[in-house]
Each structure stands twice: as structure tokens, then as C-alpha cells.
Amino acid sequence: MLIYVFLIINLIIFCPSLVCSSELEINGTNNSNTTFTSPSKISTADWSNPTEMERSWKSAIVRIPDGSGKSKLSTVDKMEKELLGEIKKFPTVIYLHGCYGIHAGTHHRIKFLADNGFLTIAPVSFARLKYPKSCDIYTYEGGLYRGTIKIRQFDAKFAIKKISGFKFVDNENIILMGHSQGGITTATLQMHDMTQKLKARVIEGWNCTPDVWPEYTGMHADKNELVLSLVAKNDPWFSYSNYKLGCGPLLNKSNGSKGIVYSDGYLQYEHSLLDYKTVRQDLLKFLNKAISKR
């Protein structure tokens, strides 16, 4: 019963400010307004189809840092034009949305990152013409289509390759970050076949534990990549699991990687931890440390 009280309080506190943002009308593709493709009509070739990956990239939500504590909303096409003559190189975050798609929380995370100096690009996998429904957020049921994680990984790699050619991107400071299913993608993405390296990874709302499908399990960050894992001890999505330590035990702590388990107060019941100021401060502290490390 207590968990539902906290969830209701969360809605009361956060929904008004989120709904009032006009920016949320831009690219709000999610489970509530998407016509999904039947799994029987999706082949493995569709996962890595260049045209499909390009759709994910072209539909990306972009925020560009615009002075101290400010940023502006953009698209990948506008970004290339707006920053064409930019001398400054931005530390860059590729942000991966969760299984529900783009929603208020997605926009607010992206804005927070850009307001703090990070060029932020969020590919939209829902923009593919062939895309399956992979979760039900009301019943906490995930993994409805096994191949979704492969689709997300292909979209992430495509975006990372795209930004490596931009002069305004600091290639020494590229961060991959994701929430929930985006966090699974962030944790499991293997970069050994790519020339572009990641500086860090941030995983919100995932526990890296053994899953029914092995490809959803573990941590594939390079030993030199810094990783931040953010998870709530009593995250409702992991009620089936006795494992409550997030991805922390799998991290290389010697390089500054860190696993944080929120186990007190209302935060212990949260799946969307970065809705809260305390967690955002933990994130910013980690990111600033990561980009300053050489």
C-alpha cells in the first residue's frame, strides 16, 4: 500500500509542471499514440535496416547548450546548420528513451543535461516504420518482443557513428545514457567493433541481473569507461527479483565508476529516479568528473 501512496504523491508533485511545457508537444511518440507492428511482420533484417535506423536518427530530439543554465530545442538537421561554424566542442550525450517511448520525463532529462552544458541527442526508435510494442507500464510487464533490445542497440550505434563526424562534438567526451529499457541498451551495448569510443555510460532504472534472455544481462562497458548506475531498492519493475544492487557489482570501481542504490524514503520506490533533484545532483557530479578525467 505504501508504494502506491508514494506513486500518487509523485504524480501530484510532478505532473502539473510537466504538462504545462509546450515543448512536450514536440515528438511525444509513445505507447499511448503509436500503432505497433505485429512481431510476425518483423524480421531480423529489419532490426539493422539502414533506412529504419536513419528514421530513428532523423526523428531524434536535440537540445543544444545556450549559455549558462540554458539550452534550446532543436533537431539533427537544424543542429548541423546551427553549429556548423561552432568552434567550441561540446561534451555530448546520446540519450536512449525507455520502453514507453518519448514522454514528459524524457524531455526534462534532456533539458537538464543540455542546461548543464551537454549537447544532448535522443534517437527515437518509435519513429521506425516497423516497431513492436515491448512493454506495458501499467502492469510492469516488459520484454514483450525479444528483439527490441537489438533494435535499440542498432539505433544507439547508428547515432554514435553519426556524431563522430561532427566538428562541434567533443569525441573525447561522448556519454551513452538511458532509462529503463534505454538503460538495458546502455549496459549491454558492445563497442568493440567501433572506432568511436565512449567516455562514460549512465544507467537509470535497470539492475543488470540475469534475465530470461541472456542478451539482456550483464555489463559490456569497456574497462576504461566510467559507468554510473542509478537504481531504487524497491523499484516496482523488479519486484520479481531479490537482486537490489543495480549494476553496481559489475562495475570497475577503480576508474571512478559508481553504483548508487536509493534505499530510503520515497526514492526507494521510484523507477524514474531522475525526476528528483537529489538524483540529478548525483548525476551531474558524476558527469562533470567523467569529462574532466583524461
C-alpha atoms as a PDB file:
ATOM      1  CA  MET A   1       0.000   0.000   0.000  1.00  0.00           C
ATOM      2  CA  LEU A   2       2.855   2.379   0.898  1.00  0.00           C
ATOM      3  CA  ILE A   3       4.335   2.165  -2.586  1.00  0.00           C
ATOM      4  CA  TYR A   4       1.067   3.407  -4.143  1.00  0.00           C
ATOM      5  CA  VAL A   5       0.982   6.374  -1.756  1.00  0.00           C
ATOM      6  CA  PHE A   6       4.445   7.416  -2.926  1.00  0.00           C
ATOM      7  CA  LEU A   7       3.490   6.992  -6.582  1.00  0.00           C
ATOM      8  CA  ILE A   8       0.400   9.177  -6.132  1.00  0.00           C
ATOM      9  CA  ILE A   9       2.459  11.859  -4.377  1.00  0.00           C
ATOM     10  CA  ASN A  10       4.916  11.727  -7.250  1.00  0.00           C
ATOM     11  CA  LEU A  11       2.154  12.364  -9.781  1.00  0.00           C
ATOM     12  CA  ILE A  12       0.754  15.263  -7.777  1.00  0.00           C
ATOM     13  CA  ILE A  13       4.156  16.912  -7.439  1.00  0.00           C
ATOM     14  CA  PHE A  14       5.492  16.453 -10.954  1.00  0.00           C
ATOM     15  CA  CYS A  15       2.597  16.275 -13.423  1.00  0.00           C
ATOM     16  CA  PRO A  16       1.492  19.912 -13.365  1.00  0.00           C
ATOM     17  CA  SER A  17       4.911  21.294 -14.340  1.00  0.00           C
ATOM     18  CA  LEU A  18       5.435  18.635 -16.967  1.00  0.00           C
ATOM     19  CA  VAL A  19       2.086  19.055 -18.671  1.00  0.00           C
ATOM     20  CA  CYS A  20       2.458  22.826 -18.858  1.00  0.00           C
ATOM     21  CA  SER A  21       5.593  22.620 -21.011  1.00  0.00           C
ATOM     22  CA  SER A  22       4.745  23.409 -24.653  1.00  0.00           C
ATOM     23  CA  GLU A  23       7.896  21.541 -25.673  1.00  0.00           C
ATOM     24  CA  LEU A  24       6.221  18.295 -24.734  1.00  0.00           C
ATOM     25  CA  GLU A  25       4.016  18.644 -27.783  1.00  0.00           C
ATOM     26  CA  ILE A  26       7.122  18.074 -29.915  1.00  0.00           C
ATOM     27  CA  ASN A  27       7.835  14.427 -30.568  1.00  0.00           C
ATOM     28  CA  GLY A  28       5.768  12.742 -27.891  1.00  0.00           C
ATOM     29  CA  THR A  29       5.726   9.353 -29.597  1.00  0.00           C
ATOM     30  CA  ASN A  30       4.944   6.638 -27.052  1.00  0.00           C
ATOM     31  CA  ASN A  31       2.757   3.636 -26.229  1.00  0.00           C
ATOM     32  CA  SER A  32      -0.368   5.795 -25.949  1.00  0.00           C
ATOM     33  CA  ASN A  33      -0.315   7.082 -29.531  1.00  0.00           C
ATOM     34  CA  THR A  34       1.640   4.554 -31.585  1.00  0.00           C
ATOM     35  CA  THR A  35       0.377   1.839 -33.889  1.00  0.00           C
ATOM     36  CA  PHE A  36       2.798  -1.015 -33.319  1.00  0.00           C
ATOM     37  CA  THR A  37       3.902  -3.662 -35.782  1.00  0.00           C
ATOM     38  CA  SER A  38       2.954  -7.268 -35.137  1.00  0.00           C
ATOM     39  CA  PRO A  39       6.081  -9.302 -34.244  1.00  0.00           C
ATOM     40  CA  SER A  40       5.152 -11.743 -37.014  1.00  0.00           C
ATOM     41  CA  LYS A  41       5.746  -8.949 -39.535  1.00  0.00           C
ATOM     42  CA  ILE A  42       9.203  -8.020 -38.231  1.00  0.00           C
ATOM     43  CA  SER A  43      12.286  -9.887 -39.422  1.00  0.00           C
ATOM     44  CA  THR A  44      15.806  -9.811 -38.010  1.00  0.00           C
ATOM     45  CA  ALA A  45      16.835  -7.885 -41.132  1.00  0.00           C
ATOM     46  CA  ASP A  46      14.510  -5.066 -40.051  1.00  0.00           C
ATOM     47  CA  TRP A  47      16.491  -4.596 -36.845  1.00  0.00           C
ATOM     48  CA  SER A  48      19.579  -3.320 -38.677  1.00  0.00           C
ATOM     49  CA  ASN A  49      17.864  -1.861 -41.734  1.00  0.00           C
ATOM     50  CA  PRO A  50      19.762   1.403 -42.505  1.00  0.00           C
ATOM     51  CA  THR A  51      16.575   3.166 -43.562  1.00  0.00           C
ATOM     52  CA  GLU A  52      14.923   2.311 -40.268  1.00  0.00           C
ATOM     53  CA  MET A  53      17.947   3.431 -38.256  1.00  0.00           C
ATOM     54  CA  GLU A  54      18.007   6.672 -40.233  1.00  0.00           C
ATOM     55  CA  ARG A  55      14.373   7.293 -39.245  1.00  0.00           C
ATOM     56  CA  SER A  56      15.303   6.886 -35.592  1.00  0.00           C
ATOM     57  CA  TRP A  57      18.184   9.330 -36.053  1.00  0.00           C
ATOM     58  CA  LYS A  58      16.273  11.927 -38.091  1.00  0.00           C
ATOM     59  CA  SER A  59      13.479  11.969 -35.503  1.00  0.00           C
ATOM     60  CA  ALA A  60      15.887  12.489 -32.607  1.00  0.00           C
ATOM     61  CA  ILE A  61      15.161  15.174 -30.054  1.00  0.00           C
ATOM     62  CA  VAL A  62      18.110  17.539 -29.724  1.00  0.00           C
ATOM     63  CA  ARG A  63      18.947  20.139 -27.116  1.00  0.00           C
ATOM     64  CA  ILE A  64      21.867  22.498 -27.587  1.00  0.00           C
ATOM     65  CA  PRO A  65      23.544  24.305 -24.646  1.00  0.00           C
ATOM     66  CA  ASP A  66      22.838  28.020 -24.996  1.00  0.00           C
ATOM     67  CA  GLY A  67      24.642  29.919 -22.282  1.00  0.00           C
ATOM     68  CA  SER A  68      24.870  29.319 -18.556  1.00  0.00           C
ATOM     69  CA  GLY A  69      21.952  27.223 -17.341  1.00  0.00           C
ATOM     70  CA  LYS A  70      20.099  27.454 -20.643  1.00  0.00           C
ATOM     71  CA  SER A  71      19.553  25.372 -23.770  1.00  0.00           C
ATOM     72  CA  LYS A  72      17.457  25.376 -26.918  1.00  0.00           C
ATOM     73  CA  LEU A  73      15.373  22.692 -28.541  1.00  0.00           C
ATOM     74  CA  SER A  74      16.450  21.523 -31.992  1.00  0.00           C
ATOM     75  CA  THR A  75      16.541  18.633 -34.475  1.00  0.00           C
ATOM     76  CA  VAL A  76      19.506  16.826 -36.005  1.00  0.00           C
ATOM     77  CA  ASP A  77      19.101  18.722 -39.289  1.00  0.00           C
ATOM     78  CA  LYS A  78      18.856  22.121 -37.582  1.00  0.00           C
ATOM     79  CA  MET A  79      21.715  21.215 -35.230  1.00  0.00           C
ATOM     80  CA  GLU A  80      24.096  20.608 -38.120  1.00  0.00           C
ATOM     81  CA  LYS A  81      23.265  24.019 -39.581  1.00  0.00           C
ATOM     82  CA  GLU A  82      23.225  25.932 -36.294  1.00  0.00           C
ATOM     83  CA  LEU A  83      26.568  24.530 -35.108  1.00  0.00           C
ATOM     84  CA  LEU A  84      28.312  24.327 -38.479  1.00  0.00           C
ATOM     85  CA  GLY A  85      30.695  27.201 -37.674  1.00  0.00           C
ATOM     86  CA  GLU A  86      30.892  26.492 -33.950  1.00  0.00           C
ATOM     87  CA  ILE A  87      34.469  26.451 -32.662  1.00  0.00           C
ATOM     88  CA  LYS A  88      33.606  25.035 -29.263  1.00  0.00           C
ATOM     89  CA  LYS A  89      33.366  21.271 -28.926  1.00  0.00           C
ATOM     90  CA  PHE A  90      30.542  20.046 -26.719  1.00  0.00           C
ATOM     91  CA  PRO A  91      30.620  17.002 -24.451  1.00  0.00           C
ATOM     92  CA  THR A  92      27.775  15.008 -25.956  1.00  0.00           C
ATOM     93  CA  VAL A  93      25.137  12.676 -24.527  1.00  0.00           C
ATOM     94  CA  ILE A  94      23.301  10.106 -26.637  1.00  0.00           C
ATOM     95  CA  TYR A  95      20.140   9.583 -24.594  1.00  0.00           C
ATOM     96  CA  LEU A  96      18.061   6.415 -25.001  1.00  0.00           C
ATOM     97  CA  HIS A  97      14.381   6.534 -24.067  1.00  0.00           C
ATOM     98  CA  GLY A  98      12.613   3.756 -22.183  1.00  0.00           C
ATOM     99  CA  CYS A  99      10.182   1.120 -23.476  1.00  0.00           C
ATOM    100  CA  TYR A 100       7.260   3.572 -23.259  1.00  0.00           C
ATOM    101  CA  GLY A 101       8.904   5.958 -25.711  1.00  0.00           C
ATOM    102  CA  ILE A 102       9.058   9.748 -25.518  1.00  0.00           C
ATOM    103  CA  HIS A 103       7.180  11.415 -22.676  1.00  0.00           C
ATOM    104  CA  ALA A 104       7.449  14.349 -20.292  1.00  0.00           C
ATOM    105  CA  GLY A 105      10.242  12.795 -18.267  1.00  0.00           C
ATOM    106  CA  THR A 106      12.302  12.231 -21.409  1.00  0.00           C
ATOM    107  CA  HIS A 107      12.147  15.904 -22.317  1.00  0.00           C
ATOM    108  CA  HIS A 108      13.024  17.038 -18.820  1.00  0.00           C
ATOM    109  CA  ARG A 109      16.073  14.774 -18.626  1.00  0.00           C
ATOM    110  CA  ILE A 110      17.316  16.028 -21.981  1.00  0.00           C
ATOM    111  CA  LYS A 111      16.782  19.645 -20.959  1.00  0.00           C
ATOM    112  CA  PHE A 112      18.597  19.146 -17.660  1.00  0.00           C
ATOM    113  CA  LEU A 113      21.619  17.698 -19.442  1.00  0.00           C
ATOM    114  CA  ALA A 114      21.759  20.473 -22.052  1.00  0.00           C
ATOM    115  CA  ASP A 115      21.173  23.229 -19.497  1.00  0.00           C
ATOM    116  CA  ASN A 116      24.312  21.946 -17.812  1.00  0.00           C
ATOM    117  CA  GLY A 117      26.470  22.109 -20.913  1.00  0.00           C
ATOM    118  CA  PHE A 118      25.948  18.769 -22.634  1.00  0.00           C
ATOM    119  CA  LEU A 119      24.834  18.626 -26.249  1.00  0.00           C
ATOM    120  CA  THR A 120      22.095  16.016 -25.948  1.00  0.00           C
ATOM    121  CA  ILE A 121      20.656  13.870 -28.731  1.00  0.00           C
ATOM    122  CA  ALA A 122      17.861  11.365 -28.142  1.00  0.00           C
ATOM    123  CA  PRO A 123      17.191   8.972 -31.050  1.00  0.00           C
ATOM    124  CA  VAL A 124      13.554   7.913 -31.294  1.00  0.00           C
ATOM    125  CA  SER A 125      13.250   4.199 -32.019  1.00  0.00           C
ATOM    126  CA  PHE A 126       9.463   4.586 -32.156  1.00  0.00           C
ATOM    127  CA  ALA A 127       9.947   6.541 -35.395  1.00  0.00           C
ATOM    128  CA  ARG A 128      10.745   3.317 -37.264  1.00  0.00           C
ATOM    129  CA  LEU A 129       8.025   2.107 -39.619  1.00  0.00           C
ATOM    130  CA  LYS A 130       8.396  -1.361 -38.149  1.00  0.00           C
ATOM    131  CA  TYR A 131       8.442  -1.278 -34.381  1.00  0.00           C
ATOM    132  CA  PRO A 132       6.849  -3.673 -31.854  1.00  0.00           C
ATOM    133  CA  LYS A 133       5.237  -2.924 -28.524  1.00  0.00           C
ATOM    134  CA  SER A 134       7.676  -4.088 -25.878  1.00  0.00           C
ATOM    135  CA  CYS A 135       6.098  -3.238 -22.521  1.00  0.00           C
ATOM    136  CA  ASP A 136       3.003  -2.349 -20.532  1.00  0.00           C
ATOM    137  CA  ILE A 137       3.796   0.319 -17.950  1.00  0.00           C
ATOM    138  CA  TYR A 138       0.543  -0.264 -16.075  1.00  0.00           C
ATOM    139  CA  THR A 139       1.205  -3.936 -15.340  1.00  0.00           C
ATOM    140  CA  TYR A 140       5.015  -3.638 -15.186  1.00  0.00           C
ATOM    141  CA  GLU A 141       5.303  -6.191 -17.929  1.00  0.00           C
ATOM    142  CA  GLY A 142       8.354  -5.936 -20.166  1.00  0.00           C
ATOM    143  CA  GLY A 143      10.129  -7.984 -22.792  1.00  0.00           C
ATOM    144  CA  LEU A 144       7.047  -8.386 -24.989  1.00  0.00           C
ATOM    145  CA  TYR A 145       9.297  -8.652 -28.037  1.00  0.00           C
ATOM    146  CA  ARG A 146      12.711 -10.210 -27.512  1.00  0.00           C
ATOM    147  CA  GLY A 147      14.387  -8.489 -30.451  1.00  0.00           C
ATOM    148  CA  THR A 148      13.632  -4.981 -29.181  1.00  0.00           C
ATOM    149  CA  ILE A 149      16.968  -4.777 -27.372  1.00  0.00           C
ATOM    150  CA  LYS A 150      18.764  -5.485 -30.654  1.00  0.00           C
ATOM    151  CA  ILE A 151      16.777  -2.753 -32.387  1.00  0.00           C
ATOM    152  CA  ARG A 152      17.695  -0.296 -29.638  1.00  0.00           C
ATOM    153  CA  GLN A 153      21.365  -1.266 -29.830  1.00  0.00           C
ATOM    154  CA  PHE A 154      21.460  -0.716 -33.589  1.00  0.00           C
ATOM    155  CA  ASP A 155      19.824   2.705 -33.200  1.00  0.00           C
ATOM    156  CA  ALA A 156      22.318   3.650 -30.478  1.00  0.00           C
ATOM    157  CA  LYS A 157      25.334   2.611 -32.551  1.00  0.00           C
ATOM    158  CA  PHE A 158      23.980   4.444 -35.572  1.00  0.00           C
ATOM    159  CA  ALA A 159      23.689   7.656 -33.552  1.00  0.00           C
ATOM    160  CA  ILE A 160      27.171   7.291 -32.074  1.00  0.00           C
ATOM    161  CA  LYS A 161      28.671   6.848 -35.526  1.00  0.00           C
ATOM    162  CA  LYS A 162      26.742   9.860 -36.818  1.00  0.00           C
ATOM    163  CA  ILE A 163      28.017  12.289 -34.187  1.00  0.00           C
ATOM    164  CA  SER A 164      31.634  11.175 -34.550  1.00  0.00           C
ATOM    165  CA  GLY A 165      31.815  13.137 -37.806  1.00  0.00           C
ATOM    166  CA  PHE A 166      30.671  16.460 -36.330  1.00  0.00           C
ATOM    167  CA  LYS A 167      33.366  19.038 -35.563  1.00  0.00           C
ATOM    168  CA  PHE A 168      31.290  20.518 -32.739  1.00  0.00           C
ATOM    169  CA  VAL A 169      31.224  17.184 -30.864  1.00  0.00           C
ATOM    170  CA  ASP A 170      33.995  16.508 -28.345  1.00  0.00           C
ATOM    171  CA  ASN A 171      34.867  12.962 -29.376  1.00  0.00           C
ATOM    172  CA  GLU A 172      36.826  12.516 -26.166  1.00  0.00           C
ATOM    173  CA  ASN A 173      33.683  13.082 -24.111  1.00  0.00           C
ATOM    174  CA  ILE A 174      30.781  11.097 -25.528  1.00  0.00           C
ATOM    175  CA  ILE A 175      28.363   9.658 -22.978  1.00  0.00           C
ATOM    176  CA  LEU A 176      25.713   6.999 -23.570  1.00  0.00           C
ATOM    177  CA  MET A 177      22.775   7.274 -21.194  1.00  0.00           C
ATOM    178  CA  GLY A 178      19.442   5.519 -20.886  1.00  0.00           C
ATOM    179  CA  HIS A 179      16.422   4.979 -18.686  1.00  0.00           C
ATOM    180  CA  SER A 180      14.780   1.578 -18.137  1.00  0.00           C
ATOM    181  CA  GLN A 181      14.907  -0.224 -21.496  1.00  0.00           C
ATOM    182  CA  GLY A 182      17.266   2.527 -22.611  1.00  0.00           C
ATOM    183  CA  GLY A 183      19.336   1.619 -19.567  1.00  0.00           C
ATOM    184  CA  ILE A 184      19.404  -2.026 -20.604  1.00  0.00           C
ATOM    185  CA  THR A 185      20.623  -0.929 -24.026  1.00  0.00           C
ATOM    186  CA  THR A 186      23.266   1.282 -22.447  1.00  0.00           C
ATOM    187  CA  ALA A 187      24.542  -1.541 -20.260  1.00  0.00           C
ATOM    188  CA  THR A 188      24.592  -4.241 -22.929  1.00  0.00           C
ATOM    189  CA  LEU A 189      25.856  -2.293 -25.945  1.00  0.00           C
ATOM    190  CA  GLN A 190      29.198  -3.673 -27.132  1.00  0.00           C
ATOM    191  CA  MET A 191      31.510  -1.132 -28.741  1.00  0.00           C
ATOM    192  CA  HIS A 192      34.469  -3.317 -29.721  1.00  0.00           C
ATOM    193  CA  ASP A 193      33.676  -3.054 -33.439  1.00  0.00           C
ATOM    194  CA  MET A 194      33.520   0.736 -33.483  1.00  0.00           C
ATOM    195  CA  THR A 195      36.272   3.341 -33.835  1.00  0.00           C
ATOM    196  CA  GLN A 196      34.352   5.840 -31.715  1.00  0.00           C
ATOM    197  CA  LYS A 197      34.808   5.183 -28.002  1.00  0.00           C
ATOM    198  CA  LEU A 198      32.558   6.184 -25.134  1.00  0.00           C
ATOM    199  CA  LYS A 199      33.834   8.187 -22.186  1.00  0.00           C
ATOM    200  CA  ALA A 200      31.030   7.102 -19.881  1.00  0.00           C
ATOM    201  CA  ARG A 201      27.678   5.377 -19.530  1.00  0.00           C
ATOM    202  CA  VAL A 202      24.747   6.234 -17.253  1.00  0.00           C
ATOM    203  CA  ILE A 203      22.092   3.628 -16.447  1.00  0.00           C
ATOM    204  CA  GLU A 204      18.866   4.680 -14.737  1.00  0.00           C
ATOM    205  CA  GLY A 205      16.335   2.108 -13.573  1.00  0.00           C
ATOM    206  CA  TRP A 206      17.995  -1.192 -14.504  1.00  0.00           C
ATOM    207  CA  ASN A 207      19.593  -3.896 -12.361  1.00  0.00           C
ATOM    208  CA  CYS A 208      21.795  -5.833 -14.837  1.00  0.00           C
ATOM    209  CA  THR A 209      20.662  -9.122 -13.315  1.00  0.00           C
ATOM    210  CA  PRO A 210      20.294 -12.441 -15.118  1.00  0.00           C
ATOM    211  CA  ASP A 211      17.254 -12.242 -17.339  1.00  0.00           C
ATOM    212  CA  VAL A 212      15.171 -14.813 -19.192  1.00  0.00           C
ATOM    213  CA  TRP A 213      17.135 -13.767 -22.277  1.00  0.00           C
ATOM    214  CA  PRO A 214      20.920 -13.673 -21.846  1.00  0.00           C
ATOM    215  CA  GLU A 215      21.407 -10.717 -24.183  1.00  0.00           C
ATOM    216  CA  TYR A 216      19.572  -8.517 -21.664  1.00  0.00           C
ATOM    217  CA  THR A 217      22.046  -9.395 -18.918  1.00  0.00           C
ATOM    218  CA  GLY A 218      25.350  -8.006 -17.712  1.00  0.00           C
ATOM    219  CA  MET A 219      27.597  -5.028 -18.359  1.00  0.00           C
ATOM    220  CA  HIS A 220      29.557  -4.567 -21.584  1.00  0.00           C
ATOM    221  CA  ALA A 221      31.304  -1.279 -20.879  1.00  0.00           C
ATOM    222  CA  ASP A 222      34.994  -1.144 -21.701  1.00  0.00           C
ATOM    223  CA  LYS A 223      37.231  -1.276 -18.640  1.00  0.00           C
ATOM    224  CA  ASN A 224      38.220   2.353 -19.213  1.00  0.00           C
ATOM    225  CA  GLU A 225      34.658   3.669 -19.482  1.00  0.00           C
ATOM    226  CA  LEU A 226      33.197   5.301 -16.404  1.00  0.00           C
ATOM    227  CA  VAL A 227      29.755   3.968 -15.516  1.00  0.00           C
ATOM    228  CA  LEU A 228      27.068   5.327 -13.204  1.00  0.00           C
ATOM    229  CA  SER A 229      24.241   3.018 -12.140  1.00  0.00           C
ATOM    230  CA  LEU A 230      21.153   4.565 -10.516  1.00  0.00           C
ATOM    231  CA  VAL A 231      18.507   2.223  -9.104  1.00  0.00           C
ATOM    232  CA  ALA A 232      15.897   2.156  -6.354  1.00  0.00           C
ATOM    233  CA  LYS A 233      15.985  -0.699  -3.866  1.00  0.00           C
ATOM    234  CA  ASN A 234      12.253  -1.355  -4.256  1.00  0.00           C
ATOM    235  CA  ASP A 235      11.780  -0.407  -7.904  1.00  0.00           C
ATOM    236  CA  PRO A 236       8.314  -1.806  -8.798  1.00  0.00           C
ATOM    237  CA  TRP A 237       9.623  -3.144 -12.126  1.00  0.00           C
ATOM    238  CA  PHE A 238      11.956  -5.508 -10.275  1.00  0.00           C
ATOM    239  CA  SER A 239       9.552  -6.882  -7.692  1.00  0.00           C
ATOM    240  CA  TYR A 240      10.233 -10.363  -9.118  1.00  0.00           C
ATOM    241  CA  SER A 241      13.904 -10.141  -8.245  1.00  0.00           C
ATOM    242  CA  ASN A 242      15.802 -10.457  -4.976  1.00  0.00           C
ATOM    243  CA  TYR A 243      18.693  -8.609  -6.582  1.00  0.00           C
ATOM    244  CA  LYS A 244      18.588  -4.999  -5.407  1.00  0.00           C
ATOM    245  CA  LEU A 245      22.035  -3.607  -6.149  1.00  0.00           C
ATOM    246  CA  GLY A 246      21.571  -2.356  -9.682  1.00  0.00           C
ATOM    247  CA  CYS A 247      24.567  -2.718 -11.974  1.00  0.00           C
ATOM    248  CA  GLY A 248      26.959  -1.656  -9.203  1.00  0.00           C
ATOM    249  CA  PRO A 249      28.616  -5.032  -8.511  1.00  0.00           C
ATOM    250  CA  LEU A 250      29.562  -5.354 -12.191  1.00  0.00           C
ATOM    251  CA  LEU A 251      31.366  -2.013 -12.420  1.00  0.00           C
ATOM    252  CA  ASN A 252      35.071  -1.249 -12.488  1.00  0.00           C
ATOM    253  CA  LYS A 253      35.218   0.869  -9.320  1.00  0.00           C
ATOM    254  CA  SER A 254      38.929   1.587  -9.770  1.00  0.00           C
ATOM    255  CA  ASN A 255      38.272   4.001 -12.643  1.00  0.00           C
ATOM    256  CA  GLY A 256      35.619   6.067 -10.855  1.00  0.00           C
ATOM    257  CA  SER A 257      32.556   4.051 -11.847  1.00  0.00           C
ATOM    258  CA  LYS A 258      29.813   4.109  -9.248  1.00  0.00           C
ATOM    259  CA  GLY A 259      26.629   2.256  -8.382  1.00  0.00           C
ATOM    260  CA  ILE A 260      24.055   4.088  -6.270  1.00  0.00           C
ATOM    261  CA  VAL A 261      21.143   2.241  -4.674  1.00  0.00           C
ATOM    262  CA  TYR A 262      18.496   4.557  -3.221  1.00  0.00           C
ATOM    263  CA  SER A 263      17.053   2.742  -0.237  1.00  0.00           C
ATOM    264  CA  ASP A 264      15.472   5.459   1.923  1.00  0.00           C
ATOM    265  CA  GLY A 265      12.207   7.389   1.811  1.00  0.00           C
ATOM    266  CA  TYR A 266      10.188   7.773  -1.377  1.00  0.00           C
ATOM    267  CA  LEU A 267      13.206   7.286  -3.647  1.00  0.00           C
ATOM    268  CA  GLN A 268      13.401   3.590  -2.778  1.00  0.00           C
ATOM    269  CA  TYR A 269      10.145   3.001  -4.681  1.00  0.00           C
ATOM    270  CA  GLU A 270      10.995   5.013  -7.804  1.00  0.00           C
ATOM    271  CA  HIS A 271      11.700   3.742 -11.290  1.00  0.00           C
ATOM    272  CA  SER A 272      12.191   7.235 -12.696  1.00  0.00           C
ATOM    273  CA  LEU A 273      14.814   8.444 -10.255  1.00  0.00           C
ATOM    274  CA  LEU A 274      15.980  11.429 -12.275  1.00  0.00           C
ATOM    275  CA  ASP A 275      12.629  13.085 -11.691  1.00  0.00           C
ATOM    276  CA  TYR A 276      14.173  14.123  -8.377  1.00  0.00           C
ATOM    277  CA  LYS A 277      16.694  16.858  -7.578  1.00  0.00           C
ATOM    278  CA  THR A 278      18.873  14.720  -5.302  1.00  0.00           C
ATOM    279  CA  VAL A 279      19.454  12.155  -8.045  1.00  0.00           C
ATOM    280  CA  ARG A 280      20.038  14.820 -10.693  1.00  0.00           C
ATOM    281  CA  GLN A 281      22.752  16.281  -8.469  1.00  0.00           C
ATOM    282  CA  ASP A 282      24.385  12.847  -8.188  1.00  0.00           C
ATOM    283  CA  LEU A 283      24.251  12.548 -11.976  1.00  0.00           C
ATOM    284  CA  LEU A 284      25.757  15.974 -12.628  1.00  0.00           C
ATOM    285  CA  LYS A 285      28.577  15.365 -10.158  1.00  0.00           C
ATOM    286  CA  PHE A 286      29.436  12.127 -11.961  1.00  0.00           C
ATOM    287  CA  LEU A 287      29.259  13.642 -15.453  1.00  0.00           C
ATOM    288  CA  ASN A 288      31.464  16.601 -14.567  1.00  0.00           C
ATOM    289  CA  LYS A 289      34.004  14.245 -13.060  1.00  0.00           C
ATOM    290  CA  ALA A 290      33.879  11.988 -16.119  1.00  0.00           C
ATOM    291  CA  ILE A 291      34.518  14.723 -18.695  1.00  0.00           C
ATOM    292  CA  SER A 292      37.341  16.231 -16.643  1.00  0.00           C
ATOM    293  CA  LYS A 293      39.170  12.899 -16.488  1.00  0.00           C
ATOM    294  CA  ARG A 294      41.871  12.400 -19.095  1.00  0.00           C
END
